[in-house]
N, C-alpha and C. Protein backbone atom coordinates (compact mmCIF):
# COMPACT_ATOMS: atom_id res chain seq x y z
N LYS A 1 100.93 92.18 126.36
CA LYS A 1 99.64 91.94 125.75
C LYS A 1 98.51 92.62 126.51
N THR A 2 98.55 92.55 127.81
CA THR A 2 97.45 93.10 128.60
C THR A 2 97.63 94.57 128.92
N ALA A 3 98.84 95.08 128.85
CA ALA A 3 99.09 96.49 129.16
C ALA A 3 98.69 97.37 127.99
N PRO A 4 98.08 98.50 128.23
CA PRO A 4 97.72 99.40 127.13
C PRO A 4 98.98 100.00 126.50
N LEU A 5 98.86 100.33 125.22
CA LEU A 5 99.99 100.89 124.50
C LEU A 5 100.17 102.36 124.86
N THR A 6 101.42 102.76 124.90
CA THR A 6 101.70 104.17 125.12
C THR A 6 101.50 104.93 123.81
N ASP A 7 101.45 106.24 123.90
CA ASP A 7 101.29 107.05 122.69
C ASP A 7 102.45 106.84 121.72
N GLU A 8 103.64 106.70 122.25
CA GLU A 8 104.81 106.46 121.40
C GLU A 8 104.69 105.12 120.68
N MET A 9 104.23 104.10 121.37
CA MET A 9 104.06 102.78 120.75
C MET A 9 102.98 102.82 119.68
N ARG A 10 101.92 103.55 119.93
CA ARG A 10 100.86 103.70 118.93
C ARG A 10 101.39 104.39 117.67
N GLN A 11 102.18 105.43 117.87
CA GLN A 11 102.75 106.14 116.73
C GLN A 11 103.70 105.22 115.94
N ASP A 12 104.50 104.45 116.64
CA ASP A 12 105.38 103.49 115.97
C ASP A 12 104.58 102.47 115.17
N ASN A 13 103.48 101.99 115.72
CA ASN A 13 102.63 101.03 115.02
C ASN A 13 102.02 101.65 113.77
N ARG A 14 101.63 102.92 113.86
CA ARG A 14 101.07 103.60 112.68
C ARG A 14 102.10 103.73 111.57
N ILE A 15 103.31 104.10 111.94
CA ILE A 15 104.39 104.23 110.95
C ILE A 15 104.68 102.87 110.31
N LEU A 16 104.76 101.84 111.12
CA LEU A 16 105.01 100.49 110.61
C LEU A 16 103.89 100.04 109.68
N ALA A 17 102.64 100.28 110.06
CA ALA A 17 101.50 99.87 109.23
C ALA A 17 101.50 100.63 107.91
N HIS A 18 101.83 101.92 107.95
CA HIS A 18 101.86 102.72 106.72
C HIS A 18 102.94 102.21 105.78
N THR A 19 104.12 101.91 106.30
CA THR A 19 105.22 101.39 105.49
C THR A 19 104.87 100.03 104.93
N ARG A 20 104.31 99.18 105.76
CA ARG A 20 103.95 97.83 105.33
C ARG A 20 102.90 97.87 104.23
N GLN A 21 101.96 98.78 104.33
CA GLN A 21 100.92 98.90 103.31
C GLN A 21 101.54 99.23 101.96
N GLY A 22 102.49 100.14 101.94
CA GLY A 22 103.16 100.48 100.68
C GLY A 22 103.91 99.29 100.09
N VAL A 23 104.59 98.55 100.94
CA VAL A 23 105.33 97.37 100.48
C VAL A 23 104.37 96.31 99.92
N GLU A 24 103.26 96.09 100.60
CA GLU A 24 102.28 95.11 100.13
C GLU A 24 101.70 95.51 98.78
N HIS A 25 101.49 96.80 98.55
CA HIS A 25 100.99 97.26 97.26
C HIS A 25 102.00 97.01 96.14
N VAL A 26 103.27 97.22 96.44
CA VAL A 26 104.31 96.97 95.44
C VAL A 26 104.37 95.48 95.11
N ILE A 27 104.30 94.64 96.12
CA ILE A 27 104.33 93.19 95.90
C ILE A 27 103.14 92.77 95.05
N ARG A 28 101.97 93.35 95.31
CA ARG A 28 100.78 93.03 94.51
C ARG A 28 101.00 93.41 93.05
N ARG A 29 101.57 94.60 92.82
CA ARG A 29 101.82 95.02 91.44
C ARG A 29 102.81 94.10 90.75
N LEU A 30 103.81 93.62 91.46
CA LEU A 30 104.80 92.73 90.86
C LEU A 30 104.21 91.35 90.57
N LYS A 31 103.31 90.89 91.43
CA LYS A 31 102.75 89.55 91.24
C LYS A 31 101.74 89.47 90.11
N ILE A 32 101.38 90.60 89.53
CA ILE A 32 100.52 90.57 88.35
C ILE A 32 101.23 89.81 87.24
N PHE A 33 102.54 89.92 87.21
CA PHE A 33 103.32 89.23 86.19
C PHE A 33 103.48 87.77 86.58
N ARG A 34 103.10 86.88 85.70
CA ARG A 34 103.06 85.45 85.98
C ARG A 34 104.43 84.88 86.34
N ILE A 35 105.48 85.48 85.81
CA ILE A 35 106.83 84.97 86.04
C ILE A 35 107.22 85.06 87.53
N LEU A 36 106.60 85.97 88.27
CA LEU A 36 106.94 86.12 89.68
C LEU A 36 105.98 85.39 90.61
N LYS A 37 104.91 84.81 90.07
CA LYS A 37 103.92 84.13 90.91
C LYS A 37 104.38 82.75 91.36
N GLY A 38 104.97 82.01 90.45
CA GLY A 38 105.27 80.62 90.76
C GLY A 38 106.77 80.34 90.78
N VAL A 39 107.10 79.12 90.47
CA VAL A 39 108.48 78.66 90.46
C VAL A 39 109.15 79.16 89.18
N TYR A 40 110.30 79.76 89.31
CA TYR A 40 111.05 80.26 88.16
C TYR A 40 111.82 79.11 87.54
N ARG A 41 111.54 78.79 86.29
CA ARG A 41 112.10 77.59 85.65
C ARG A 41 113.13 77.90 84.56
N HIS A 42 113.54 79.14 84.46
CA HIS A 42 114.49 79.51 83.41
C HIS A 42 115.89 79.66 84.01
N ARG A 43 116.80 80.19 83.20
CA ARG A 43 118.18 80.37 83.66
C ARG A 43 118.23 81.37 84.81
N ARG A 44 118.99 81.03 85.83
CA ARG A 44 119.05 81.87 87.03
C ARG A 44 119.68 83.22 86.78
N HIS A 45 120.68 83.28 85.93
CA HIS A 45 121.37 84.55 85.74
C HIS A 45 120.50 85.57 85.00
N ARG A 46 119.41 85.13 84.38
CA ARG A 46 118.49 86.04 83.72
C ARG A 46 117.37 86.54 84.64
N PHE A 47 117.21 85.91 85.79
CA PHE A 47 116.13 86.28 86.69
C PHE A 47 116.27 87.73 87.16
N SER A 48 117.48 88.13 87.49
CA SER A 48 117.72 89.49 87.96
C SER A 48 117.33 90.51 86.88
N LEU A 49 117.72 90.24 85.65
CA LEU A 49 117.38 91.13 84.55
C LEU A 49 115.87 91.23 84.39
N ARG A 50 115.20 90.09 84.41
CA ARG A 50 113.74 90.09 84.24
C ARG A 50 113.04 90.79 85.39
N LEU A 51 113.53 90.59 86.59
CA LEU A 51 112.95 91.26 87.75
C LEU A 51 113.10 92.77 87.63
N HIS A 52 114.26 93.23 87.21
CA HIS A 52 114.48 94.66 87.03
C HIS A 52 113.57 95.23 85.93
N LEU A 53 113.37 94.48 84.87
CA LEU A 53 112.48 94.95 83.79
C LEU A 53 111.03 95.03 84.27
N ILE A 54 110.61 94.05 85.02
CA ILE A 54 109.24 94.06 85.55
C ILE A 54 109.07 95.22 86.53
N ALA A 55 110.06 95.44 87.38
CA ALA A 55 110.00 96.56 88.32
C ALA A 55 109.94 97.88 87.57
N ALA A 56 110.70 98.00 86.49
CA ALA A 56 110.67 99.23 85.69
C ALA A 56 109.29 99.44 85.07
N LEU A 57 108.68 98.36 84.57
CA LEU A 57 107.34 98.47 84.01
C LEU A 57 106.31 98.90 85.06
N CYS A 58 106.43 98.34 86.25
CA CYS A 58 105.52 98.71 87.34
C CYS A 58 105.71 100.18 87.73
N ASN A 59 106.95 100.61 87.81
CA ASN A 59 107.23 102.02 88.13
C ASN A 59 106.72 102.95 87.05
N LEU A 60 106.94 102.59 85.81
CA LEU A 60 106.47 103.40 84.70
C LEU A 60 104.94 103.49 84.69
N ASN A 61 104.31 102.36 84.96
CA ASN A 61 102.86 102.33 85.00
C ASN A 61 102.32 103.21 86.13
N SER A 62 102.94 103.17 87.30
CA SER A 62 102.45 103.97 88.41
C SER A 62 102.70 105.46 88.18
N VAL A 63 103.78 105.81 87.50
CA VAL A 63 104.07 107.21 87.20
C VAL A 63 103.09 107.74 86.14
N CYS A 64 102.82 106.93 85.13
CA CYS A 64 101.94 107.37 84.04
C CYS A 64 100.49 107.44 84.48
N SER A 65 100.08 106.64 85.45
CA SER A 65 98.68 106.63 85.87
C SER A 65 98.33 107.82 86.76
N HIS A 66 99.33 108.47 87.33
CA HIS A 66 99.05 109.62 88.22
C HIS A 66 99.11 110.86 87.46
């Protein structure tokens, strides 16, 4: 905590922060859909299908917006 970071540690922190930022953005896009915000109350075997469909919609939306 008290020792200054080395250049290598700073670079590692930058890479980690950049990766984390991308993951947080994806989670935000997925949480727009109400089904992923709260408790899932439907059949469990359909959750995977719905999650894949939502992910596909998010990917399609990000591709079309650029």
